[in-house]
C-alpha atoms as a PDB file:
ATOM      1  CA  MET A   1      16.198  -0.591   3.532  1.00  0.00           C
ATOM      2  CA  GLY A   2      14.371  -0.331   0.196  1.00  0.00           C
ATOM      3  CA  ARG A   3      10.762  -0.421   1.414  1.00  0.00           C
ATOM      4  CA  ASN A   4       8.794   2.514   2.773  1.00  0.00           C
ATOM      5  CA  ILE A   5       9.967   2.708   6.383  1.00  0.00           C
ATOM      6  CA  HIS A   6       6.447   3.514   7.611  1.00  0.00           C
ATOM      7  CA  ASP A   7       5.193   0.305   5.990  1.00  0.00           C
ATOM      8  CA  ILE A   8       7.981  -1.729   7.617  1.00  0.00           C
ATOM      9  CA  TYR A   9       6.991  -0.537  11.079  1.00  0.00           C
ATOM     10  CA  ASP A  10       3.357  -1.362  10.349  1.00  0.00           C
ATOM     11  CA  VAL A  11       4.277  -4.817   8.999  1.00  0.00           C
ATOM     12  CA  ILE A  12       6.372  -5.696  12.039  1.00  0.00           C
ATOM     13  CA  LEU A  13       3.715  -4.584  14.523  1.00  0.00           C
ATOM     14  CA  LYS A  14       1.028  -6.402  12.522  1.00  0.00           C
ATOM     15  CA  ILE A  15       3.024  -9.641  12.740  1.00  0.00           C
ATOM     16  CA  ILE A  16       3.623  -9.134  16.464  1.00  0.00           C
ATOM     17  CA  ILE A  17      -0.084  -8.677  17.203  1.00  0.00           C
ATOM     18  CA  LEU A  18      -1.010 -11.684  15.038  1.00  0.00           C
ATOM     19  CA  VAL A  19       1.594 -13.924  16.718  1.00  0.00           C
ATOM     20  CA  TYR A  20       1.051 -12.797  20.312  1.00  0.00           C
ATOM     21  CA  GLY A  21      -2.671 -11.981  20.152  1.00  0.00           C
ATOM     22  CA  GLU A  22      -4.029 -11.637  23.670  1.00  0.00           C
ATOM     23  CA  GLY A  23      -0.467 -11.398  25.015  1.00  0.00           C
ATOM     24  CA  PHE A  24       0.083  -8.205  23.033  1.00  0.00           C
ATOM     25  CA  LEU A  25      -3.311  -6.789  24.023  1.00  0.00           C
ATOM     26  CA  ARG A  26      -2.423  -7.342  27.664  1.00  0.00           C
ATOM     27  CA  PHE A  27       0.956  -5.724  27.060  1.00  0.00           C
ATOM     28  CA  ILE A  28      -0.839  -2.528  25.991  1.00  0.00           C
ATOM     29  CA  GLY A  29      -3.370  -2.764  28.828  1.00  0.00           C
ATOM     30  CA  ILE A  30      -6.340  -4.630  27.297  1.00  0.00           C
ATOM     31  CA  ASN A  31      -7.105  -7.494  29.686  1.00  0.00           C
ATOM     32  CA  LYS A  32      -9.656  -9.316  27.566  1.00  0.00           C
ATOM     33  CA  ASN A  33      -9.639 -12.521  25.529  1.00  0.00           C
ATOM     34  CA  ILE A  34      -9.830 -12.669  21.742  1.00  0.00           C
ATOM     35  CA  LYS A  35     -12.780 -14.669  20.480  1.00  0.00           C
ATOM     36  CA  GLU A  36     -12.023 -14.219  16.774  1.00  0.00           C
ATOM     37  CA  VAL A  37      -9.562 -12.291  14.577  1.00  0.00           C
ATOM     38  CA  LEU A  38     -11.585 -10.529  11.865  1.00  0.00           C
ATOM     39  CA  LYS A  39     -10.864  -9.367   8.339  1.00  0.00           C
ATOM     40  CA  THR A  40      -9.478  -5.856   7.960  1.00  0.00           C
ATOM     41  CA  GLU A  41     -10.731  -4.924   4.493  1.00  0.00           C
ATOM     42  CA  PHE A  42     -14.211  -3.437   4.144  1.00  0.00           C
ATOM     43  CA  VAL A  43     -16.273  -2.046   1.281  1.00  0.00           C
ATOM     44  CA  THR A  44     -19.178   0.286   2.025  1.00  0.00           C
ATOM     45  CA  LEU A  45     -22.462   0.387   0.097  1.00  0.00           C
ATOM     46  CA  LYS A  46     -21.017   3.302  -1.879  1.00  0.00           C
ATOM     47  CA  GLY A  47     -18.045   1.170  -2.939  1.00  0.00           C
ATOM     48  CA  ILE A  48     -15.542   2.931  -0.685  1.00  0.00           C
ATOM     49  CA  LYS A  49     -12.789   0.658   0.650  1.00  0.00           C
ATOM     50  CA  PHE A  50     -11.393   0.724   4.182  1.00  0.00           C
ATOM     51  CA  TYR A  51      -8.248  -1.034   5.361  1.00  0.00           C
ATOM     52  CA  LEU A  52      -7.733  -1.454   9.109  1.00  0.00           C
ATOM     53  CA  ASP A  53      -4.485  -2.521  10.792  1.00  0.00           C
ATOM     54  CA  PHE A  54      -6.098  -5.035  13.157  1.00  0.00           C
ATOM     55  CA  LEU A  55      -9.619  -5.976  14.208  1.00  0.00           C
ATOM     56  CA  CYS A  56     -10.852  -8.684  16.526  1.00  0.00           C
ATOM     57  CA  LEU A  57     -13.963  -9.740  18.423  1.00  0.00           C
ATOM     58  CA  LEU A  58     -13.392  -9.914  22.179  1.00  0.00           C
ATOM     59  CA  ASP A  59     -15.039 -12.321  24.593  1.00  0.00           C
ATOM     60  CA  ASP A  60     -17.231  -9.533  25.996  1.00  0.00           C
ATOM     61  CA  GLY A  61     -18.883  -9.070  22.592  1.00  0.00           C
ATOM     62  CA  THR A  62     -17.104  -5.808  21.679  1.00  0.00           C
ATOM     63  CA  LEU A  63     -14.794  -5.202  18.738  1.00  0.00           C
ATOM     64  CA  CYS A  64     -11.185  -4.156  19.325  1.00  0.00           C
ATOM     65  CA  HIS A  65      -9.783  -2.039  16.496  1.00  0.00           C
ATOM     66  CA  VAL A  66      -6.030  -1.304  16.655  1.00  0.00           C
ATOM     67  CA  GLU A  67      -4.242   1.229  14.444  1.00  0.00           C
ATOM     68  CA  PHE A  68      -0.436   1.569  14.222  1.00  0.00           C
ATOM     69  CA  GLN A  69       0.877   5.106  13.670  1.00  0.00           C
ATOM     70  CA  PHE A  70       4.540   5.878  12.975  1.00  0.00           C
ATOM     71  CA  PRO A  71       5.874   7.892  14.631  1.00  0.00           C
ATOM     72  CA  LYS A  72       2.566   9.206  16.009  1.00  0.00           C
ATOM     73  CA  ALA A  73      -1.024   9.840  14.945  1.00  0.00           C
ATOM     74  CA  ARG A  74      -1.967  13.096  13.284  1.00  0.00           C
ATOM     75  CA  PRO A  75      -5.200  14.845  14.294  1.00  0.00           C
ATOM     76  CA  ASN A  76      -6.731  14.207  10.846  1.00  0.00           C
ATOM     77  CA  ASP A  77      -6.125  10.453  11.244  1.00  0.00           C
ATOM     78  CA  LEU A  78      -8.975  10.423  13.750  1.00  0.00           C
ATOM     79  CA  ASP A  79     -11.457  11.208  10.982  1.00  0.00           C
ATOM     80  CA  ARG A  80     -10.509   7.948   9.245  1.00  0.00           C
ATOM     81  CA  PHE A  81     -10.586   5.968  12.465  1.00  0.00           C
ATOM     82  CA  PHE A  82     -14.064   7.295  13.262  1.00  0.00           C
ATOM     83  CA  ASP A  83     -15.250   6.157   9.814  1.00  0.00           C
ATOM     84  CA  TYR A  84     -13.683   2.734  10.475  1.00  0.00           C
ATOM     85  CA  ASN A  85     -15.650   2.506  13.719  1.00  0.00           C
ATOM     86  CA  ILE A  86     -18.955   3.205  11.995  1.00  0.00           C
ATOM     87  CA  VAL A  87     -18.318   0.655   9.226  1.00  0.00           C
ATOM     88  CA  THR A  88     -17.172  -2.112  11.595  1.00  0.00           C
ATOM     89  CA  GLN A  89     -20.050  -1.530  14.005  1.00  0.00           C
ATOM     90  CA  VAL A  90     -22.627  -1.696  11.218  1.00  0.00           C
ATOM     91  CA  THR A  91     -20.982  -4.767   9.655  1.00  0.00           C
ATOM     92  CA  HIS A  92     -20.653  -6.791  12.860  1.00  0.00           C
ATOM     93  CA  GLY A  93     -23.445  -5.301  14.958  1.00  0.00           C
ATOM     94  CA  ALA A  94     -21.127  -4.687  17.920  1.00  0.00           C
ATOM     95  CA  LEU A  95     -19.514  -1.726  19.670  1.00  0.00           C
ATOM     96  CA  THR A  96     -16.048  -0.905  18.305  1.00  0.00           C
ATOM     97  CA  GLU A  97     -13.352   0.424  20.628  1.00  0.00           C
ATOM     98  CA  THR A  98     -10.294   1.942  18.944  1.00  0.00           C
ATOM     99  CA  ILE A  99      -6.710   1.845  20.224  1.00  0.00           C
ATOM    100  CA  VAL A 100      -4.116   4.051  18.512  1.00  0.00           C
ATOM    101  CA  ILE A 101      -0.543   2.800  18.969  1.00  0.00           C
ATOM    102  CA  ASN A 102       2.089   5.504  18.543  1.00  0.00           C
ATOM    103  CA  PHE A 103       5.711   4.390  18.242  1.00  0.00           C
ATOM    104  CA  THR A 104       7.105   7.464  19.967  1.00  0.00           C
ATOM    105  CA  SER A 105       6.719   8.870  23.482  1.00  0.00           C
ATOM    106  CA  LYS A 106       3.767  10.972  24.580  1.00  0.00           C
ATOM    107  CA  LYS A 107       4.936  14.380  23.405  1.00  0.00           C
ATOM    108  CA  PHE A 108       1.578  15.878  22.556  1.00  0.00           C
ATOM    109  CA  SER A 109      -1.804  15.949  24.221  1.00  0.00           C
ATOM    110  CA  GLU A 110      -4.333  13.292  23.306  1.00  0.00           C
ATOM    111  CA  LYS A 111      -6.895  14.511  20.813  1.00  0.00           C
ATOM    112  CA  ILE A 112     -10.649  14.204  21.044  1.00  0.00           C
ATOM    113  CA  ARG A 113     -12.324  14.616  17.689  1.00  0.00           C
ATOM    114  CA  ILE A 114     -15.594  16.540  17.702  1.00  0.00           C
ATOM    115  CA  ILE A 115     -17.658  15.503  14.682  1.00  0.00           C
ATOM    116  CA  GLY A 116     -20.700  17.553  13.802  1.00  0.00           C
ATOM    117  CA  ARG A 117     -22.655  18.899  16.758  1.00  0.00           C
ATOM    118  CA  SER A 118     -23.313  15.710  18.690  1.00  0.00           C
ATOM    119  CA  LYS A 119     -20.555  13.170  18.048  1.00  0.00           C
ATOM    120  CA  CYS A 120     -17.318  12.853  19.998  1.00  0.00           C
ATOM    121  CA  PHE A 121     -14.572  10.365  19.084  1.00  0.00           C
ATOM    122  CA  ASN A 122     -12.016   9.662  21.804  1.00  0.00           C
ATOM    123  CA  PRO A 123      -9.855   6.568  21.119  1.00  0.00           C
ATOM    124  CA  ASP A 124      -7.371   5.121  23.594  1.00  0.00           C
ATOM    125  CA  TYR A 125      -3.721   5.986  22.997  1.00  0.00           C
ATOM    126  CA  VAL A 126      -0.668   3.789  23.605  1.00  0.00           C
ATOM    127  CA  TYR A 127       2.851   5.266  23.393  1.00  0.00           C
ATOM    128  CA  LEU A 128       5.457   2.563  22.816  1.00  0.00           C
ATOM    129  CA  GLY A 129       8.234   5.047  23.567  1.00  0.00           C
ATOM    130  CA  ASP A 130       7.043   5.393  27.170  1.00  0.00           C
ATOM    131  CA  ILE A 131       7.531   1.709  28.044  1.00  0.00           C
ATOM    132  CA  ASP A 132      10.267   0.979  30.601  1.00  0.00           C
ATOM    133  CA  TYR A 133      12.586  -0.846  28.204  1.00  0.00           C
ATOM    134  CA  ALA A 134      15.597  -0.433  30.511  1.00  0.00           C
ATOM    135  CA  GLY A 135      13.739  -2.174  33.341  1.00  0.00           C
ATOM    136  CA  TYR A 136      12.639  -5.011  31.080  1.00  0.00           C
ATOM    137  CA  TRP A 137      16.149  -5.471  29.719  1.00  0.00           C
ATOM    138  CA  ARG A 138      17.602  -5.722  33.237  1.00  0.00           C
ATOM    139  CA  ASN A 139      15.295  -8.689  33.812  1.00  0.00           C
ATOM    140  CA  ILE A 140      16.052 -10.125  30.378  1.00  0.00           C
ATOM    141  CA  ASN A 141      19.810  -9.969  30.984  1.00  0.00           C
ATOM    142  CA  ILE A 142      19.399 -11.771  34.328  1.00  0.00           C
ATOM    143  CA  LYS A 143      17.332 -14.500  32.684  1.00  0.00           C
ATOM    144  CA  VAL A 144      19.843 -14.916  29.865  1.00  0.00           C
ATOM    145  CA  GLU A 145      22.632 -15.441  32.402  1.00  0.00           C
ATOM    146  CA  SER A 146      20.511 -17.923  34.347  1.00  0.00           C
ATOM    147  CA  ASN A 147      19.103 -19.613  31.214  1.00  0.00           C
ATOM    148  CA  LEU A 148      15.516 -18.916  32.302  1.00  0.00           C
ATOM    149  CA  LYS A 149      12.633 -18.623  29.825  1.00  0.00           C
ATOM    150  CA  LEU A 150      11.453 -15.106  28.991  1.00  0.00           C
ATOM    151  CA  THR A 151       7.895 -14.030  29.717  1.00  0.00           C
ATOM    152  CA  VAL A 152       5.505 -13.034  26.934  1.00  0.00           C
ATOM    153  CA  PHE A 153       6.007  -9.350  27.794  1.00  0.00           C
ATOM    154  CA  GLU A 154       9.804  -9.744  27.706  1.00  0.00           C
ATOM    155  CA  GLU A 155       9.643 -11.393  24.284  1.00  0.00           C
ATOM    156  CA  ILE A 156       7.526  -8.506  23.013  1.00  0.00           C
ATOM    157  CA  VAL A 157      10.028  -5.991  24.412  1.00  0.00           C
ATOM    158  CA  VAL A 158      12.845  -7.780  22.539  1.00  0.00           C
ATOM    159  CA  LEU A 159      10.882  -7.199  19.327  1.00  0.00           C
ATOM    160  CA  LEU A 160       9.817  -3.609  20.050  1.00  0.00           C
ATOM    161  CA  THR A 161      13.044  -2.108  21.406  1.00  0.00           C
ATOM    162  CA  CYS A 162      14.557  -1.149  18.042  1.00  0.00           C
ATOM    163  CA  LEU A 163      11.266   0.188  16.643  1.00  0.00           C
ATOM    164  CA  ILE A 164      10.960   3.237  18.878  1.00  0.00           C
ATOM    165  CA  PRO A 165      12.645   6.495  17.728  1.00  0.00           C
ATOM    166  CA  GLU A 166      14.228   6.837  21.170  1.00  0.00           C
ATOM    167  CA  CYS A 167      16.426   3.774  20.463  1.00  0.00           C
ATOM    168  CA  LYS A 168      19.563   5.447  19.078  1.00  0.00           C
ATOM    169  CA  LYS A 169      21.807   2.358  18.902  1.00  0.00           C
ATOM    170  CA  LYS A 170      19.728   0.047  16.754  1.00  0.00           C
ATOM    171  CA  ALA A 171      22.699  -1.795  15.219  1.00  0.00           C
ATOM    172  CA  HIS A 172      24.170  -2.530  18.655  1.00  0.00           C
ATOM    173  CA  MET A 173      20.834  -3.768  20.000  1.00  0.00           C
ATOM    174  CA  LEU A 174      20.128  -5.936  16.951  1.00  0.00           C
ATOM    175  CA  ASP A 175      23.570  -7.520  17.252  1.00  0.00           C
ATOM    176  CA  LYS A 176      22.837  -8.248  20.920  1.00  0.00           C
ATOM    177  CA  ILE A 177      19.413  -9.691  20.097  1.00  0.00           C
ATOM    178  CA  SER A 178      20.719 -11.861  17.255  1.00  0.00           C
ATOM    179  CA  LYS A 179      23.225 -13.394  19.679  1.00  0.00           C
ATOM    180  CA  LEU A 180      20.450 -13.889  22.222  1.00  0.00           C
ATOM    181  CA  LEU A 181      18.485 -15.879  19.614  1.00  0.00           C
ATOM    182  CA  LYS A 182      21.214 -18.555  19.619  1.00  0.00           C
ATOM    183  CA  ASN A 183      19.555 -19.894  22.785  1.00  0.00           C
ATOM    184  CA  LYS A 184      16.130 -21.086  21.626  1.00  0.00           C
ATOM    185  CA  GLU A 185      15.260 -22.234  25.145  1.00  0.00           C
ATOM    186  CA  LEU A 186      14.786 -18.618  26.208  1.00  0.00           C
ATOM    187  CA  PHE A 187      11.714 -18.301  23.975  1.00  0.00           C
ATOM    188  CA  ASP A 188       8.403 -20.060  23.626  1.00  0.00           C
ATOM    189  CA  LYS A 189       9.023 -22.724  20.995  1.00  0.00           C
ATOM    190  CA  THR A 190       5.737 -22.058  19.170  1.00  0.00           C
ATOM    191  CA  ARG A 191       6.728 -18.405  18.592  1.00  0.00           C
ATOM    192  CA  PHE A 192      10.481 -18.685  18.128  1.00  0.00           C
ATOM    193  CA  GLU A 193      10.490 -18.854  14.325  1.00  0.00           C
ATOM    194  CA  TYR A 194       8.389 -15.676  14.170  1.00  0.00           C
ATOM    195  CA  VAL A 195      10.691 -13.908  16.632  1.00  0.00           C
ATOM    196  CA  GLN A 196      13.578 -14.817  14.323  1.00  0.00           C
ATOM    197  CA  ALA A 197      11.719 -13.550  11.264  1.00  0.00           C
ATOM    198  CA  ILE A 198      10.828 -10.218  12.865  1.00  0.00           C
ATOM    199  CA  ILE A 199      14.409  -9.623  14.003  1.00  0.00           C
ATOM    200  CA  GLN A 200      15.645 -10.463  10.506  1.00  0.00           C
ATOM    201  CA  MET A 201      13.220  -7.876   9.083  1.00  0.00           C
ATOM    202  CA  GLU A 202      14.524  -5.290  11.531  1.00  0.00           C
ATOM    203  CA  ILE A 203      18.136  -6.061  10.593  1.00  0.00           C
ATOM    204  CA  GLU A 204      17.358  -5.754   6.876  1.00  0.00           C
ATOM    205  CA  ASN A 205      15.317  -2.551   7.135  1.00  0.00           C
ATOM    206  CA  LEU A 206      16.283  -0.502  10.199  1.00  0.00           C
ATOM    207  CA  ILE A 207      20.063  -0.312   9.840  1.00  0.00           C
ATOM    208  CA  SER A 208      22.509   0.316   6.975  1.00  0.00           C
ATOM    209  CA  LYS A 209      24.170  -2.368   4.861  1.00  0.00           C
ATOM    210  CA  GLU A 210      27.471  -1.610   6.546  1.00  0.00           C
ATOM    211  CA  GLU A 211      25.926  -2.087   9.980  1.00  0.00           C
ATOM    212  CA  GLN A 212      24.234  -5.280   8.805  1.00  0.00           C
ATOM    213  CA  SER A 213      27.594  -6.752   7.797  1.00  0.00           C
ATOM    214  CA  LYS A 214      28.790  -6.391  11.386  1.00  0.00           C
ATOM    215  CA  ILE A 215      25.950  -8.505  12.810  1.00  0.00           C
ATOM    216  CA  THR A 216      27.871 -11.621  13.843  1.00  0.00           C
ATOM    217  CA  GLU A 217      24.974 -14.075  14.054  1.00  0.00           C
ATOM    218  CA  VAL A 218      22.848 -14.999  11.046  1.00  0.00           C
ATOM    219  CA  VAL A 219      19.107 -15.101  11.742  1.00  0.00           C
ATOM    220  CA  ASP A 220      17.250 -17.752   9.757  1.00  0.00           C
ATOM    221  CA  MET A 221      13.692 -17.426   8.462  1.00  0.00           C
ATOM    222  CA  THR A 222      11.428 -20.468   8.047  1.00  0.00           C
ATOM    223  CA  PRO A 223       8.992 -20.835   5.108  1.00  0.00           C
ATOM    224  CA  GLN A 224       6.029 -20.514   7.479  1.00  0.00           C
ATOM    225  CA  ALA A 225       7.369 -17.252   8.899  1.00  0.00           C
ATOM    226  CA  GLU A 226       8.175 -15.973   5.400  1.00  0.00           C
ATOM    227  CA  LYS A 227       4.568 -16.669   4.372  1.00  0.00           C
ATOM    228  CA  LEU A 228       3.172 -14.667   7.310  1.00  0.00           C
ATOM    229  CA  ILE A 229       5.526 -11.775   6.568  1.00  0.00           C
ATOM    230  CA  SER A 230       4.635 -11.813   2.874  1.00  0.00           C
ATOM    231  CA  GLN A 231       0.933 -11.716   3.742  1.00  0.00           C
ATOM    232  CA  ALA A 232       1.433  -8.833   6.191  1.00  0.00           C
ATOM    233  CA  ILE A 233       3.515  -6.869   3.662  1.00  0.00           C
ATOM    234  CA  SER A 234       0.811  -7.335   1.020  1.00  0.00           C
ATOM    235  CA  GLU A 235      -1.953  -6.126   3.368  1.00  0.00           C
ATOM    236  CA  VAL A 236       0.010  -3.108   4.583  1.00  0.00           C
ATOM    237  CA  HIS A 237       1.004  -2.194   1.015  1.00  0.00           C
ATOM    238  CA  ARG A 238      -2.637  -2.247  -0.147  1.00  0.00           C
ATOM    239  CA  LYS A 239      -3.631  -0.033   2.752  1.00  0.00           C
ATOM    240  CA  SER A 240      -0.716   2.358   2.180  1.00  0.00           C
ATOM    241  CA  VAL A 241      -1.487   2.768  -1.528  1.00  0.00           C
ATOM    242  CA  HIS A 242      -5.192   3.276  -0.815  1.00  0.00           C
ATOM    243  CA  GLU A 243      -4.572   5.919   1.876  1.00  0.00           C
ATOM    244  CA  ALA A 244      -2.082   7.753  -0.344  1.00  0.00           C
ATOM    245  CA  ARG A 245      -4.721   7.876  -3.089  1.00  0.00           C
ATOM    246  CA  ILE A 246      -7.369   9.151  -0.659  1.00  0.00           C
ATOM    247  CA  ASP A 247      -4.985  11.813   0.707  1.00  0.00           C
ATOM    248  CA  GLY A 248      -4.213  12.924  -2.836  1.00  0.00           C
ATOM    249  CA  MET A 249      -7.896  13.208  -3.694  1.00  0.00           C
ATOM    250  CA  LYS A 250      -8.562  15.180  -0.515  1.00  0.00           C
ATOM    251  CA  GLU A 251      -5.699  17.598  -1.219  1.00  0.00           C
ATOM    252  CA  GLY A 252      -7.009  18.062  -4.762  1.00  0.00           C
ATOM    253  CA  LYS A 253     -10.505  18.877  -3.515  1.00  0.00           C
ATOM    254  CA  GLU A 254      -9.150  21.388  -1.017  1.00  0.00           C
ATOM    255  CA  GLU A 255      -7.057  23.103  -3.706  1.00  0.00           C
ATOM    256  CA  ILE A 256     -10.157  23.429  -5.905  1.00  0.00           C
ATOM    257  CA  ALA A 257     -12.156  24.808  -2.974  1.00  0.00           C
ATOM    258  CA  LYS A 258      -9.474  27.430  -2.238  1.00  0.00           C
ATOM    259  CA  ASN A 259      -9.532  28.614  -5.850  1.00  0.00           C
ATOM    260  CA  LEU A 260     -13.317  29.066  -5.693  1.00  0.00           C
ATOM    261  CA  LYS A 261     -13.290  31.118  -2.487  1.00  0.00           C
ATOM    262  CA  ASP A 262     -13.438  34.487  -4.270  1.00  0.00           C
ATOM    263  CA  LEU A 263     -16.028  33.339  -6.806  1.00  0.00           C
ATOM    264  CA  MET A 264     -18.895  31.803  -4.807  1.00  0.00           C
ATOM    265  CA  ASP A 265     -20.212  31.294  -1.298  1.00  0.00           C
ATOM    266  CA  ASP A 266     -19.132  28.444   1.023  1.00  0.00           C
ATOM    267  CA  GLU A 267     -22.347  26.425   0.611  1.00  0.00           C
ATOM    268  CA  GLU A 268     -21.936  26.283  -3.170  1.00  0.00           C
ATOM    269  CA  ILE A 269     -18.230  25.386  -2.858  1.00  0.00           C
ATOM    270  CA  SER A 270     -19.134  22.564  -0.467  1.00  0.00           C
ATOM    271  CA  ARG A 271     -21.660  21.168  -2.944  1.00  0.00           C
ATOM    272  CA  ILE A 272     -19.222  21.314  -5.871  1.00  0.00           C
ATOM    273  CA  SER A 273     -16.072  20.072  -4.113  1.00  0.00           C
ATOM    274  CA  GLY A 274     -17.668  17.394  -1.940  1.00  0.00           C
ATOM    275  CA  LEU A 275     -16.013  18.851   1.177  1.00  0.00           C
ATOM    276  CA  SER A 276     -18.023  19.530   4.298  1.00  0.00           C
ATOM    277  CA  LEU A 277     -19.229  23.082   4.854  1.00  0.00           C
ATOM    278  CA  GLU A 278     -17.199  23.214   8.062  1.00  0.00           C
ATOM    279  CA  ARG A 279     -14.008  22.244   6.180  1.00  0.00           C
ATOM    280  CA  VAL A 280     -14.659  24.795   3.431  1.00  0.00           C
ATOM    281  CA  LYS A 281     -15.007  27.563   6.043  1.00  0.00           C
ATOM    282  CA  GLN A 282     -11.632  26.552   7.521  1.00  0.00           C
ATOM    283  CA  LEU A 283      -9.780  26.943   4.196  1.00  0.00           C
END
């Protein structure tokens, strides 16, 4: 459990969406086909870097931009996502639709970001904590007993169950899942090695060493799966470091602006600090 837990959640969901593609999009309610998976690193003309979680071109010509937020998105995250939309639309010349995936249940109202006087940013929200995991697992248990192959959605549920904060018995569930993996016939053979790898990541990062020692079945990881995980970890780490740096710079600017409040007017503070006039007035 040495890595940043937020990064681990992002890595696992990134691997799931790369492995399942259209199956995962349908799971979250997007019934469109993926034409092409696109790069997620962008550099603007001003040299500013952006790192997205997932971006693809759909068969209807629109871009689908997916962001993973653990445990849930903050209102200020929407500013970044709006910037991502502008950059991706300009780069690819297509409309970008954003989906924000929150790991928890819907415990706060969805936010619409008003930007300036004429722009409104209203992404779609998905709450993984609101999925009927109990209902899915009833079907999964029946199929395990009957040795019937799981559906794409059921495979995804196996991988997501221990990621949501509402799952309080992660060690118990991971032990159950690791035993379930003994029967390869339950899973699609082209995805099985990735299912194994994801579960191994969850065992290594979501529960304690003591709990790990009680997992009775060892989950193997193939070189191909290890390569995909290593790539996903590298991408998420770059994004995490970049966002931490940006947040630090923003906090520094706001601290400077606060200290200038008694010395000059808001317009001058905005010019010096680089913050918007609206943000300076809010400080």
